[in-house]
Amino acid sequence: MAVYAINSEGVEAMQTLRSELQQAIDDILQSCVKLENTVNSLEGQLGIYHEIILLEIKKVLLIVKKAKDGDDGVEFLINNKIPSMIANMEMLIEAGLGDGDDNPQKVLTLRR
């Protein structure tokens, strides 16, 4: 049997996930920039390998940015999908259709 977590704890978990996803993406982007700056500061010591290493870092940065900014990317998940899921959960909880312990279970029915 599936557990739907349509309760206040589920809402809090979604909000935490949203925040953690945003922080993870920001951290990855900052790390790529920091690494790029480090490689650039070592250009003289890296010699002929500097440009090769820099190109690989830029590939990683491009992949992360694409995953972040794409139509179905992490930013879309963070800013659209998760808030929509949270709103749906809150609407169900408010209607008494959540799976909390303090309310007797209600069942959704389709009326024709």
PDB file of N, CA and C in Angstrom:
ATOM      1  N   MET A   1       0.828  -1.167   0.000  1.00  0.00           N
ATOM      2  CA  MET A   1       0.000   0.000   0.000  1.00  0.00           C
ATOM      3  C   MET A   1       0.886   1.248   0.000  1.00  0.00           C
ATOM      4  N   ALA A   2       0.566   2.200  -0.829  1.00  0.00           N
ATOM      5  CA  ALA A   2       1.345   3.424  -0.936  1.00  0.00           C
ATOM      6  C   ALA A   2       1.054   4.353   0.230  1.00  0.00           C
ATOM      7  N   VAL A   3       2.074   5.029   0.679  1.00  0.00           N
ATOM      8  CA  VAL A   3       1.924   6.049   1.694  1.00  0.00           C
ATOM      9  C   VAL A   3       2.011   7.386   0.974  1.00  0.00           C
ATOM     10  N   TYR A   4       0.997   8.209   1.118  1.00  0.00           N
ATOM     11  CA  TYR A   4       0.936   9.459   0.366  1.00  0.00           C
ATOM     12  C   TYR A   4       1.549  10.646   1.101  1.00  0.00           C
ATOM     13  N   ALA A   5       1.692  10.574   2.400  1.00  0.00           N
ATOM     14  CA  ALA A   5       2.267  11.653   3.206  1.00  0.00           C
ATOM     15  C   ALA A   5       1.570  12.982   2.953  1.00  0.00           C
ATOM     16  N   ILE A   6       0.250  12.922   2.837  1.00  0.00           N
ATOM     17  CA  ILE A   6      -0.535  14.154   2.697  1.00  0.00           C
ATOM     18  C   ILE A   6      -0.859  14.620   4.107  1.00  0.00           C
ATOM     19  N   ASN A   7       0.124  15.251   4.730  1.00  0.00           N
ATOM     20  CA  ASN A   7      -0.008  15.764   6.085  1.00  0.00           C
ATOM     21  C   ASN A   7       1.011  16.877   6.276  1.00  0.00           C
ATOM     22  N   SER A   8       1.002  17.497   7.436  1.00  0.00           N
ATOM     23  CA  SER A   8       1.901  18.627   7.664  1.00  0.00           C
ATOM     24  C   SER A   8       3.373  18.209   7.580  1.00  0.00           C
ATOM     25  N   GLU A   9       3.680  16.982   8.000  1.00  0.00           N
ATOM     26  CA  GLU A   9       5.053  16.498   7.903  1.00  0.00           C
ATOM     27  C   GLU A   9       5.472  16.344   6.443  1.00  0.00           C
ATOM     28  N   GLY A  10       4.547  15.907   5.608  1.00  0.00           N
ATOM     29  CA  GLY A  10       4.829  15.789   4.175  1.00  0.00           C
ATOM     30  C   GLY A  10       5.079  17.142   3.535  1.00  0.00           C
ATOM     31  N   VAL A  11       4.293  18.135   3.937  1.00  0.00           N
ATOM     32  CA  VAL A  11       4.482  19.501   3.435  1.00  0.00           C
ATOM     33  C   VAL A  11       5.854  20.016   3.856  1.00  0.00           C
ATOM     34  N   GLU A  12       6.203  19.823   5.116  1.00  0.00           N
ATOM     35  CA  GLU A  12       7.508  20.264   5.620  1.00  0.00           C
ATOM     36  C   GLU A  12       8.646  19.559   4.884  1.00  0.00           C
ATOM     37  N   ALA A  13       8.474  18.270   4.608  1.00  0.00           N
ATOM     38  CA  ALA A  13       9.500  17.516   3.886  1.00  0.00           C
ATOM     39  C   ALA A  13       9.688  18.077   2.480  1.00  0.00           C
ATOM     40  N   MET A  14       8.597  18.434   1.812  1.00  0.00           N
ATOM     41  CA  MET A  14       8.687  19.010   0.474  1.00  0.00           C
ATOM     42  C   MET A  14       9.381  20.370   0.519  1.00  0.00           C
ATOM     43  N   GLN A  15       9.060  21.173   1.515  1.00  0.00           N
ATOM     44  CA  GLN A  15       9.698  22.479   1.649  1.00  0.00           C
ATOM     45  C   GLN A  15      11.198  22.327   1.917  1.00  0.00           C
ATOM     46  N   THR A  16      11.548  21.372   2.756  1.00  0.00           N
ATOM     47  CA  THR A  16      12.960  21.097   3.034  1.00  0.00           C
ATOM     48  C   THR A  16      13.668  20.621   1.774  1.00  0.00           C
ATOM     49  N   LEU A  17      13.044  19.718   1.040  1.00  0.00           N
ATOM     50  CA  LEU A  17      13.627  19.217  -0.204  1.00  0.00           C
ATOM     51  C   LEU A  17      13.865  20.358  -1.180  1.00  0.00           C
ATOM     52  N   ARG A  18      12.891  21.228  -1.305  1.00  0.00           N
ATOM     53  CA  ARG A  18      13.010  22.380  -2.214  1.00  0.00           C
ATOM     54  C   ARG A  18      14.224  23.229  -1.837  1.00  0.00           C
ATOM     55  N   SER A  19      14.356  23.512  -0.570  1.00  0.00           N
ATOM     56  CA  SER A  19      15.477  24.319  -0.084  1.00  0.00           C
ATOM     57  C   SER A  19      16.816  23.614  -0.303  1.00  0.00           C
ATOM     58  N   GLU A  20      16.850  22.333  -0.005  1.00  0.00           N
ATOM     59  CA  GLU A  20      18.087  21.556  -0.160  1.00  0.00           C
ATOM     60  C   GLU A  20      18.501  21.439  -1.631  1.00  0.00           C
ATOM     61  N   LEU A  21      17.545  21.263  -2.521  1.00  0.00           N
ATOM     62  CA  LEU A  21      17.854  21.206  -3.955  1.00  0.00           C
ATOM     63  C   LEU A  21      18.454  22.521  -4.428  1.00  0.00           C
ATOM     64  N   GLN A  22      17.849  23.630  -4.010  1.00  0.00           N
ATOM     65  CA  GLN A  22      18.368  24.945  -4.404  1.00  0.00           C
ATOM     66  C   GLN A  22      19.786  25.126  -3.888  1.00  0.00           C
ATOM     67  N   GLN A  23      20.015  24.763  -2.629  1.00  0.00           N
ATOM     68  CA  GLN A  23      21.345  24.912  -2.040  1.00  0.00           C
ATOM     69  C   GLN A  23      22.362  24.021  -2.748  1.00  0.00           C
ATOM     70  N   ALA A  24      21.983  22.802  -3.089  1.00  0.00           N
ATOM     71  CA  ALA A  24      22.898  21.877  -3.765  1.00  0.00           C
ATOM     72  C   ALA A  24      23.313  22.416  -5.134  1.00  0.00           C
ATOM     73  N   ILE A  25      22.354  22.915  -5.904  1.00  0.00           N
ATOM     74  CA  ILE A  25      22.671  23.466  -7.219  1.00  0.00           C
ATOM     75  C   ILE A  25      23.569  24.685  -7.080  1.00  0.00           C
ATOM     76  N   ASP A  26      23.249  25.563  -6.141  1.00  0.00           N
ATOM     77  CA  ASP A  26      24.078  26.751  -5.920  1.00  0.00           C
ATOM     78  C   ASP A  26      25.500  26.355  -5.519  1.00  0.00           C
ATOM     79  N   ASP A  27      25.618  25.354  -4.649  1.00  0.00           N
ATOM     80  CA  ASP A  27      26.939  24.895  -4.208  1.00  0.00           C
ATOM     81  C   ASP A  27      27.749  24.325  -5.369  1.00  0.00           C
ATOM     82  N   ILE A  28      27.104  23.544  -6.230  1.00  0.00           N
ATOM     83  CA  ILE A  28      27.802  22.963  -7.381  1.00  0.00           C
ATOM     84  C   ILE A  28      28.297  24.059  -8.310  1.00  0.00           C
ATOM     85  N   LEU A  29      27.444  25.038  -8.592  1.00  0.00           N
ATOM     86  CA  LEU A  29      27.850  26.138  -9.469  1.00  0.00           C
ATOM     87  C   LEU A  29      28.999  26.934  -8.851  1.00  0.00           C
ATOM     88  N   GLN A  30      28.925  27.220  -7.566  1.00  0.00           N
ATOM     89  CA  GLN A  30      30.001  27.944  -6.893  1.00  0.00           C
ATOM     90  C   GLN A  30      31.302  27.149  -6.902  1.00  0.00           C
ATOM     91  N   SER A  31      31.193  25.839  -6.733  1.00  0.00           N
ATOM     92  CA  SER A  31      32.390  24.998  -6.757  1.00  0.00           C
ATOM     93  C   SER A  31      33.040  24.993  -8.132  1.00  0.00           C
ATOM     94  N   CYS A  32      32.228  24.964  -9.176  1.00  0.00           N
ATOM     95  CA  CYS A  32      32.770  25.007 -10.542  1.00  0.00           C
ATOM     96  C   CYS A  32      33.496  26.331 -10.793  1.00  0.00           C
ATOM     97  N   VAL A  33      32.914  27.429 -10.356  1.00  0.00           N
ATOM     98  CA  VAL A  33      33.548  28.742 -10.532  1.00  0.00           C
ATOM     99  C   VAL A  33      34.843  28.817  -9.731  1.00  0.00           C
ATOM    100  N   LYS A  34      34.810  28.306  -8.504  1.00  0.00           N
ATOM    101  CA  LYS A  34      36.012  28.297  -7.663  1.00  0.00           C
ATOM    102  C   LYS A  34      37.116  27.465  -8.316  1.00  0.00           C
ATOM    103  N   LEU A  35      36.747  26.307  -8.846  1.00  0.00           N
ATOM    104  CA  LEU A  35      37.723  25.446  -9.509  1.00  0.00           C
ATOM    105  C   LEU A  35      38.289  26.123 -10.756  1.00  0.00           C
ATOM    106  N   GLU A  36      37.439  26.773 -11.515  1.00  0.00           N
ATOM    107  CA  GLU A  36      37.887  27.500 -12.707  1.00  0.00           C
ATOM    108  C   GLU A  36      38.878  28.607 -12.314  1.00  0.00           C
ATOM    109  N   ASN A  37      38.571  29.338 -11.249  1.00  0.00           N
ATOM    110  CA  ASN A  37      39.483  30.383 -10.773  1.00  0.00           C
ATOM    111  C   ASN A  37      40.815  29.806 -10.313  1.00  0.00           C
ATOM    112  N   THR A  38      40.767  28.660  -9.640  1.00  0.00           N
ATOM    113  CA  THR A  38      41.993  28.006  -9.185  1.00  0.00           C
ATOM    114  C   THR A  38      42.853  27.599 -10.374  1.00  0.00           C
ATOM    115  N   VAL A  39      42.233  26.992 -11.368  1.00  0.00           N
ATOM    116  CA  VAL A  39      42.973  26.562 -12.569  1.00  0.00           C
ATOM    117  C   VAL A  39      43.580  27.778 -13.263  1.00  0.00           C
ATOM    118  N   ASN A  40      42.802  28.858 -13.355  1.00  0.00           N
ATOM    119  CA  ASN A  40      43.334  30.068 -13.988  1.00  0.00           C
ATOM    120  C   ASN A  40      44.510  30.653 -13.213  1.00  0.00           C
ATOM    121  N   SER A  41      44.455  30.564 -11.880  1.00  0.00           N
ATOM    122  CA  SER A  41      45.564  31.089 -11.077  1.00  0.00           C
ATOM    123  C   SER A  41      46.821  30.225 -11.204  1.00  0.00           C
ATOM    124  N   LEU A  42      46.648  29.002 -11.646  1.00  0.00           N
ATOM    125  CA  LEU A  42      47.778  28.079 -11.808  1.00  0.00           C
ATOM    126  C   LEU A  42      48.224  27.948 -13.268  1.00  0.00           C
ATOM    127  N   GLU A  43      47.764  28.848 -14.102  1.00  0.00           N
ATOM    128  CA  GLU A  43      48.040  28.746 -15.538  1.00  0.00           C
ATOM    129  C   GLU A  43      49.530  28.563 -15.831  1.00  0.00           C
ATOM    130  N   GLY A  44      50.379  29.337 -15.180  1.00  0.00           N
ATOM    131  CA  GLY A  44      51.820  29.240 -15.428  1.00  0.00           C
ATOM    132  C   GLY A  44      52.389  27.882 -15.047  1.00  0.00           C
ATOM    133  N   GLN A  45      51.890  27.310 -13.955  1.00  0.00           N
ATOM    134  CA  GLN A  45      52.402  26.013 -13.494  1.00  0.00           C
ATOM    135  C   GLN A  45      51.816  24.847 -14.295  1.00  0.00           C
ATOM    136  N   LEU A  46      50.627  25.043 -14.866  1.00  0.00           N
ATOM    137  CA  LEU A  46      49.982  23.953 -15.623  1.00  0.00           C
ATOM    138  C   LEU A  46      50.465  23.887 -17.062  1.00  0.00           C
ATOM    139  N   GLY A  47      50.996  24.978 -17.536  1.00  0.00           N
ATOM    140  CA  GLY A  47      51.565  24.999 -18.887  1.00  0.00           C
ATOM    141  C   GLY A  47      50.565  24.599 -19.955  1.00  0.00           C
ATOM    142  N   ILE A  48      50.980  23.648 -20.789  1.00  0.00           N
ATOM    143  CA  ILE A  48      50.154  23.238 -21.928  1.00  0.00           C
ATOM    144  C   ILE A  48      48.857  22.546 -21.499  1.00  0.00           C
ATOM    145  N   TYR A  49      48.781  22.113 -20.257  1.00  0.00           N
ATOM    146  CA  TYR A  49      47.586  21.408 -19.779  1.00  0.00           C
ATOM    147  C   TYR A  49      46.495  22.360 -19.271  1.00  0.00           C
ATOM    148  N   HIS A  50      46.855  23.601 -19.057  1.00  0.00           N
ATOM    149  CA  HIS A  50      45.907  24.587 -18.530  1.00  0.00           C
ATOM    150  C   HIS A  50      44.630  24.641 -19.352  1.00  0.00           C
ATOM    151  N   GLU A  51      44.766  24.809 -20.647  1.00  0.00           N
ATOM    152  CA  GLU A  51      43.600  24.974 -21.514  1.00  0.00           C
ATOM    153  C   GLU A  51      42.742  23.702 -21.551  1.00  0.00           C
ATOM    154  N   ILE A  52      43.363  22.549 -21.554  1.00  0.00           N
ATOM    155  CA  ILE A  52      42.627  21.272 -21.573  1.00  0.00           C
ATOM    156  C   ILE A  52      41.793  21.124 -20.300  1.00  0.00           C
ATOM    157  N   ILE A  53      42.418  21.409 -19.159  1.00  0.00           N
ATOM    158  CA  ILE A  53      41.720  21.301 -17.878  1.00  0.00           C
ATOM    159  C   ILE A  53      40.579  22.315 -17.810  1.00  0.00           C
ATOM    160  N   LEU A  54      40.844  23.532 -18.244  1.00  0.00           N
ATOM    161  CA  LEU A  54      39.834  24.583 -18.226  1.00  0.00           C
ATOM    162  C   LEU A  54      38.635  24.223 -19.098  1.00  0.00           C
ATOM    163  N   LEU A  55      38.886  23.642 -20.254  1.00  0.00           N
ATOM    164  CA  LEU A  55      37.788  23.221 -21.137  1.00  0.00           C
ATOM    165  C   LEU A  55      36.923  22.149 -20.481  1.00  0.00           C
ATOM    166  N   GLU A  56      37.529  21.227 -19.774  1.00  0.00           N
ATOM    167  CA  GLU A  56      36.765  20.176 -19.089  1.00  0.00           C
ATOM    168  C   GLU A  56      35.906  20.758 -17.973  1.00  0.00           C
ATOM    169  N   ILE A  57      36.449  21.709 -17.247  1.00  0.00           N
ATOM    170  CA  ILE A  57      35.673  22.360 -16.187  1.00  0.00           C
ATOM    171  C   ILE A  57      34.492  23.106 -16.798  1.00  0.00           C
ATOM    172  N   LYS A  58      34.724  23.780 -17.911  1.00  0.00           N
ATOM    173  CA  LYS A  58      33.645  24.512 -18.574  1.00  0.00           C
ATOM    174  C   LYS A  58      32.565  23.561 -19.088  1.00  0.00           C
ATOM    175  N   LYS A  59      32.945  22.351 -19.497  1.00  0.00           N
ATOM    176  CA  LYS A  59      31.949  21.343 -19.908  1.00  0.00           C
ATOM    177  C   LYS A  59      31.056  20.968 -18.731  1.00  0.00           C
ATOM    178  N   VAL A  60      31.672  20.751 -17.584  1.00  0.00           N
ATOM    179  CA  VAL A  60      30.904  20.401 -16.385  1.00  0.00           C
ATOM    180  C   VAL A  60      29.962  21.540 -16.027  1.00  0.00           C
ATOM    181  N   LEU A  61      30.462  22.756 -16.061  1.00  0.00           N
ATOM    182  CA  LEU A  61      29.649  23.925 -15.744  1.00  0.00           C
ATOM    183  C   LEU A  61      28.476  24.050 -16.706  1.00  0.00           C
ATOM    184  N   LEU A  62      28.721  23.793 -17.969  1.00  0.00           N
ATOM    185  CA  LEU A  62      27.659  23.852 -18.978  1.00  0.00           C
ATOM    186  C   LEU A  62      26.584  22.796 -18.716  1.00  0.00           C
ATOM    187  N   ILE A  63      27.008  21.594 -18.367  1.00  0.00           N
ATOM    188  CA  ILE A  63      26.061  20.513 -18.067  1.00  0.00           C
ATOM    189  C   ILE A  63      25.210  20.868 -16.856  1.00  0.00           C
ATOM    190  N   VAL A  64      25.835  21.398 -15.814  1.00  0.00           N
ATOM    191  CA  VAL A  64      25.100  21.769 -14.598  1.00  0.00           C
ATOM    192  C   VAL A  64      24.112  22.890 -14.900  1.00  0.00           C
ATOM    193  N   LYS A  65      24.560  23.897 -15.659  1.00  0.00           N
ATOM    194  CA  LYS A  65      23.661  25.007 -15.994  1.00  0.00           C
ATOM    195  C   LYS A  65      22.483  24.529 -16.837  1.00  0.00           C
ATOM    196  N   LYS A  66      22.740  23.606 -17.761  1.00  0.00           N
ATOM    197  CA  LYS A  66      21.650  23.074 -18.587  1.00  0.00           C
ATOM    198  C   LYS A  66      20.657  22.298 -17.722  1.00  0.00           C
ATOM    199  N   ALA A  67      21.166  21.495 -16.800  1.00  0.00           N
ATOM    200  CA  ALA A  67      20.289  20.739 -15.898  1.00  0.00           C
ATOM    201  C   ALA A  67      19.515  21.675 -14.989  1.00  0.00           C
ATOM    202  N   LYS A  68      20.107  22.791 -14.648  1.00  0.00           N
ATOM    203  CA  LYS A  68      19.455  23.761 -13.772  1.00  0.00           C
ATOM    204  C   LYS A  68      18.393  24.559 -14.515  1.00  0.00           C
ATOM    205  N   ASP A  69      18.734  25.057 -15.687  1.00  0.00           N
ATOM    206  CA  ASP A  69      17.897  26.031 -16.383  1.00  0.00           C
ATOM    207  C   ASP A  69      16.983  25.462 -17.450  1.00  0.00           C
ATOM    208  N   GLY A  70      17.095  24.206 -17.774  1.00  0.00           N
ATOM    209  CA  GLY A  70      16.273  23.634 -18.827  1.00  0.00           C
ATOM    210  C   GLY A  70      14.788  23.706 -18.525  1.00  0.00           C
ATOM    211  N   ASP A  71      13.974  23.518 -19.555  1.00  0.00           N
ATOM    212  CA  ASP A  71      12.518  23.582 -19.392  1.00  0.00           C
ATOM    213  C   ASP A  71      12.011  22.606 -18.329  1.00  0.00           C
ATOM    214  N   ASP A  72      12.704  21.509 -18.179  1.00  0.00           N
ATOM    215  CA  ASP A  72      12.315  20.526 -17.168  1.00  0.00           C
ATOM    216  C   ASP A  72      13.429  20.367 -16.132  1.00  0.00           C
ATOM    217  N   GLY A  73      14.242  21.407 -15.980  1.00  0.00           N
ATOM    218  CA  GLY A  73      15.399  21.351 -15.104  1.00  0.00           C
ATOM    219  C   GLY A  73      15.064  21.507 -13.637  1.00  0.00           C
ATOM    220  N   VAL A  74      16.104  21.526 -12.857  1.00  0.00           N
ATOM    221  CA  VAL A  74      15.966  21.601 -11.408  1.00  0.00           C
ATOM    222  C   VAL A  74      15.286  22.902 -10.978  1.00  0.00           C
ATOM    223  N   GLU A  75      15.600  24.010 -11.644  1.00  0.00           N
ATOM    224  CA  GLU A  75      14.948  25.279 -11.298  1.00  0.00           C
ATOM    225  C   GLU A  75      13.440  25.201 -11.525  1.00  0.00           C
ATOM    226  N   PHE A  76      13.024  24.532 -12.607  1.00  0.00           N
ATOM    227  CA  PHE A  76      11.590  24.360 -12.855  1.00  0.00           C
ATOM    228  C   PHE A  76      10.964  23.516 -11.749  1.00  0.00           C
ATOM    229  N   LEU A  77      11.674  22.478 -11.335  1.00  0.00           N
ATOM    230  CA  LEU A  77      11.203  21.643 -10.226  1.00  0.00           C
ATOM    231  C   LEU A  77      11.089  22.464  -8.944  1.00  0.00           C
ATOM    232  N   ILE A  78      12.132  23.249  -8.654  1.00  0.00           N
ATOM    233  CA  ILE A  78      12.171  24.039  -7.419  1.00  0.00           C
ATOM    234  C   ILE A  78      11.118  25.143  -7.414  1.00  0.00           C
ATOM    235  N   ASN A  79      10.960  25.821  -8.539  1.00  0.00           N
ATOM    236  CA  ASN A  79      10.105  27.014  -8.575  1.00  0.00           C
ATOM    237  C   ASN A  79       8.685  26.769  -9.053  1.00  0.00           C
ATOM    238  N   ASN A  80       8.422  25.615  -9.672  1.00  0.00           N
ATOM    239  CA  ASN A  80       7.083  25.354 -10.194  1.00  0.00           C
ATOM    240  C   ASN A  80       6.462  24.063  -9.670  1.00  0.00           C
ATOM    241  N   LYS A  81       7.149  22.959  -9.909  1.00  0.00           N
ATOM    242  CA  LYS A  81       6.546  21.667  -9.570  1.00  0.00           C
ATOM    243  C   LYS A  81       6.383  21.465  -8.073  1.00  0.00           C
ATOM    244  N   ILE A  82       7.444  21.681  -7.308  1.00  0.00           N
ATOM    245  CA  ILE A  82       7.352  21.451  -5.862  1.00  0.00           C
ATOM    246  C   ILE A  82       6.347  22.403  -5.212  1.00  0.00           C
ATOM    247  N   PRO A  83       6.358  23.727  -5.526  1.00  0.00           N
ATOM    248  CA  PRO A  83       5.332  24.584  -4.941  1.00  0.00           C
ATOM    249  C   PRO A  83       3.914  24.140  -5.308  1.00  0.00           C
ATOM    250  N   SER A  84       3.727  23.646  -6.522  1.00  0.00           N
ATOM    251  CA  SER A  84       2.421  23.141  -6.930  1.00  0.00           C
ATOM    252  C   SER A  84       2.034  21.906  -6.121  1.00  0.00           C
ATOM    253  N   MET A  85       2.998  21.024  -5.907  1.00  0.00           N
ATOM    254  CA  MET A  85       2.741  19.831  -5.096  1.00  0.00           C
ATOM    255  C   MET A  85       2.387  20.221  -3.664  1.00  0.00           C
ATOM    256  N   ILE A  86       3.119  21.189  -3.122  1.00  0.00           N
ATOM    257  CA  ILE A  86       2.850  21.668  -1.758  1.00  0.00           C
ATOM    258  C   ILE A  86       1.445  22.258  -1.676  1.00  0.00           C
ATOM    259  N   ALA A  87       1.089  23.073  -2.657  1.00  0.00           N
ATOM    260  CA  ALA A  87      -0.249  23.684  -2.670  1.00  0.00           C
ATOM    261  C   ALA A  87      -1.328  22.610  -2.742  1.00  0.00           C
ATOM    262  N   ASN A  88      -1.116  21.580  -3.559  1.00  0.00           N
ATOM    263  CA  ASN A  88      -2.081  20.482  -3.649  1.00  0.00           C
ATOM    264  C   ASN A  88      -2.202  19.744  -2.321  1.00  0.00           C
ATOM    265  N   MET A  89      -1.062  19.497  -1.687  1.00  0.00           N
ATOM    266  CA  MET A  89      -1.080  18.813  -0.397  1.00  0.00           C
ATOM    267  C   MET A  89      -1.840  19.643   0.638  1.00  0.00           C
ATOM    268  N   GLU A  90      -1.560  20.948   0.687  1.00  0.00           N
ATOM    269  CA  GLU A  90      -2.223  21.817   1.655  1.00  0.00           C
ATOM    270  C   GLU A  90      -3.722  21.888   1.397  1.00  0.00           C
ATOM    271  N   MET A  91      -4.112  21.888   0.128  1.00  0.00           N
ATOM    272  CA  MET A  91      -5.532  21.915  -0.215  1.00  0.00           C
ATOM    273  C   MET A  91      -6.216  20.629   0.266  1.00  0.00           C
ATOM    274  N   LEU A  92      -5.565  19.500   0.065  1.00  0.00           N
ATOM    275  CA  LEU A  92      -6.130  18.225   0.516  1.00  0.00           C
ATOM    276  C   LEU A  92      -6.211  18.159   2.044  1.00  0.00           C
ATOM    277  N   ILE A  93      -5.177  18.650   2.698  1.00  0.00           N
ATOM    278  CA  ILE A  93      -5.180  18.655   4.168  1.00  0.00           C
ATOM    279  C   ILE A  93      -6.307  19.543   4.681  1.00  0.00           C
ATOM    280  N   GLU A  94      -6.442  20.740   4.095  1.00  0.00           N
ATOM    281  CA  GLU A  94      -7.490  21.669   4.509  1.00  0.00           C
ATOM    282  C   GLU A  94      -8.878  21.078   4.289  1.00  0.00           C
ATOM    283  N   ALA A  95      -9.024  20.275   3.234  1.00  0.00           N
ATOM    284  CA  ALA A  95     -10.307  19.645   2.940  1.00  0.00           C
ATOM    285  C   ALA A  95     -10.546  18.409   3.816  1.00  0.00           C
ATOM    286  N   GLY A  96      -9.567  18.082   4.667  1.00  0.00           N
ATOM    287  CA  GLY A  96      -9.716  16.924   5.541  1.00  0.00           C
ATOM    288  C   GLY A  96      -9.413  15.608   4.855  1.00  0.00           C
ATOM    289  N   LEU A  97      -8.712  15.666   3.718  1.00  0.00           N
ATOM    290  CA  LEU A  97      -8.416  14.449   2.955  1.00  0.00           C
ATOM    291  C   LEU A  97      -6.989  13.965   3.147  1.00  0.00           C
ATOM    292  N   GLY A  98      -6.274  14.565   4.074  1.00  0.00           N
ATOM    293  CA  GLY A  98      -4.914  14.132   4.346  1.00  0.00           C
ATOM    294  C   GLY A  98      -4.896  12.844   5.146  1.00  0.00           C
ATOM    295  N   ASP A  99      -3.700  12.328   5.394  1.00  0.00           N
ATOM    296  CA  ASP A  99      -3.580  11.078   6.138  1.00  0.00           C
ATOM    297  C   ASP A  99      -3.091  11.322   7.564  1.00  0.00           C
ATOM    298  N   GLY A 100      -3.571  12.410   8.172  1.00  0.00           N
ATOM    299  CA  GLY A 100      -3.212  12.720   9.555  1.00  0.00           C
ATOM    300  C   GLY A 100      -3.942  11.811  10.529  1.00  0.00           C
ATOM    301  N   ASP A 101      -3.422  11.736  11.751  1.00  0.00           N
ATOM    302  CA  ASP A 101      -4.015  10.870  12.781  1.00  0.00           C
ATOM    303  C   ASP A 101      -5.243  11.492  13.436  1.00  0.00           C
ATOM    304  N   ASP A 102      -5.353  12.831  13.372  1.00  0.00           N
ATOM    305  CA  ASP A 102      -6.429  13.483  14.100  1.00  0.00           C
ATOM    306  C   ASP A 102      -7.745  13.557  13.328  1.00  0.00           C
ATOM    307  N   ASN A 103      -7.753  13.228  12.061  1.00  0.00           N
ATOM    308  CA  ASN A 103      -8.976  13.268  11.257  1.00  0.00           C
ATOM    309  C   ASN A 103      -9.344  11.869  10.780  1.00  0.00           C
ATOM    310  N   PRO A 104     -10.623  11.526  10.832  1.00  0.00           N
ATOM    311  CA  PRO A 104     -11.018  10.259  10.222  1.00  0.00           C
ATOM    312  C   PRO A 104     -10.813  10.362   8.713  1.00  0.00           C
ATOM    313  N   GLN A 105     -10.467   9.259   8.098  1.00  0.00           N
ATOM    314  CA  GLN A 105     -10.189   9.257   6.661  1.00  0.00           C
ATOM    315  C   GLN A 105     -11.431   9.563   5.857  1.00  0.00           C
ATOM    316  N   LYS A 106     -11.267  10.385   4.853  1.00  0.00           N
ATOM    317  CA  LYS A 106     -12.324  10.681   3.900  1.00  0.00           C
ATOM    318  C   LYS A 106     -11.884  10.112   2.559  1.00  0.00           C
ATOM    319  N   VAL A 107     -12.840   9.887   1.698  1.00  0.00           N
ATOM    320  CA  VAL A 107     -12.530   9.287   0.398  1.00  0.00           C
ATOM    321  C   VAL A 107     -12.987  10.249  -0.687  1.00  0.00           C
ATOM    322  N   LEU A 108     -12.120  10.438  -1.678  1.00  0.00           N
ATOM    323  CA  LEU A 108     -12.487  11.258  -2.834  1.00  0.00           C
ATOM    324  C   LEU A 108     -13.416  10.447  -3.743  1.00  0.00           C
ATOM    325  N   THR A 109     -14.500  11.061  -4.174  1.00  0.00           N
ATOM    326  CA  THR A 109     -15.400  10.384  -5.117  1.00  0.00           C
ATOM    327  C   THR A 109     -15.650  11.294  -6.299  1.00  0.00           C
ATOM    328  N   LEU A 110     -15.902  10.718  -7.425  1.00  0.00           N
ATOM    329  CA  LEU A 110     -16.196  11.451  -8.639  1.00  0.00           C
ATOM    330  C   LEU A 110     -17.693  11.459  -8.835  1.00  0.00           C
ATOM    331  N   ARG A 111     -18.259  12.649  -8.893  1.00  0.00           N
ATOM    332  CA  ARG A 111     -19.706  12.769  -9.109  1.00  0.00           C
ATOM    333  C   ARG A 111     -19.961  13.068 -10.566  1.00  0.00           C
ATOM    334  N   ARG A 112     -20.981  12.449 -11.081  1.00  0.00           N
ATOM    335  CA  ARG A 112     -21.335  12.671 -12.488  1.00  0.00           C
ATOM    336  C   ARG A 112     -22.674  13.331 -12.601  1.00  0.00           C
TER     337      ARG A 112
END
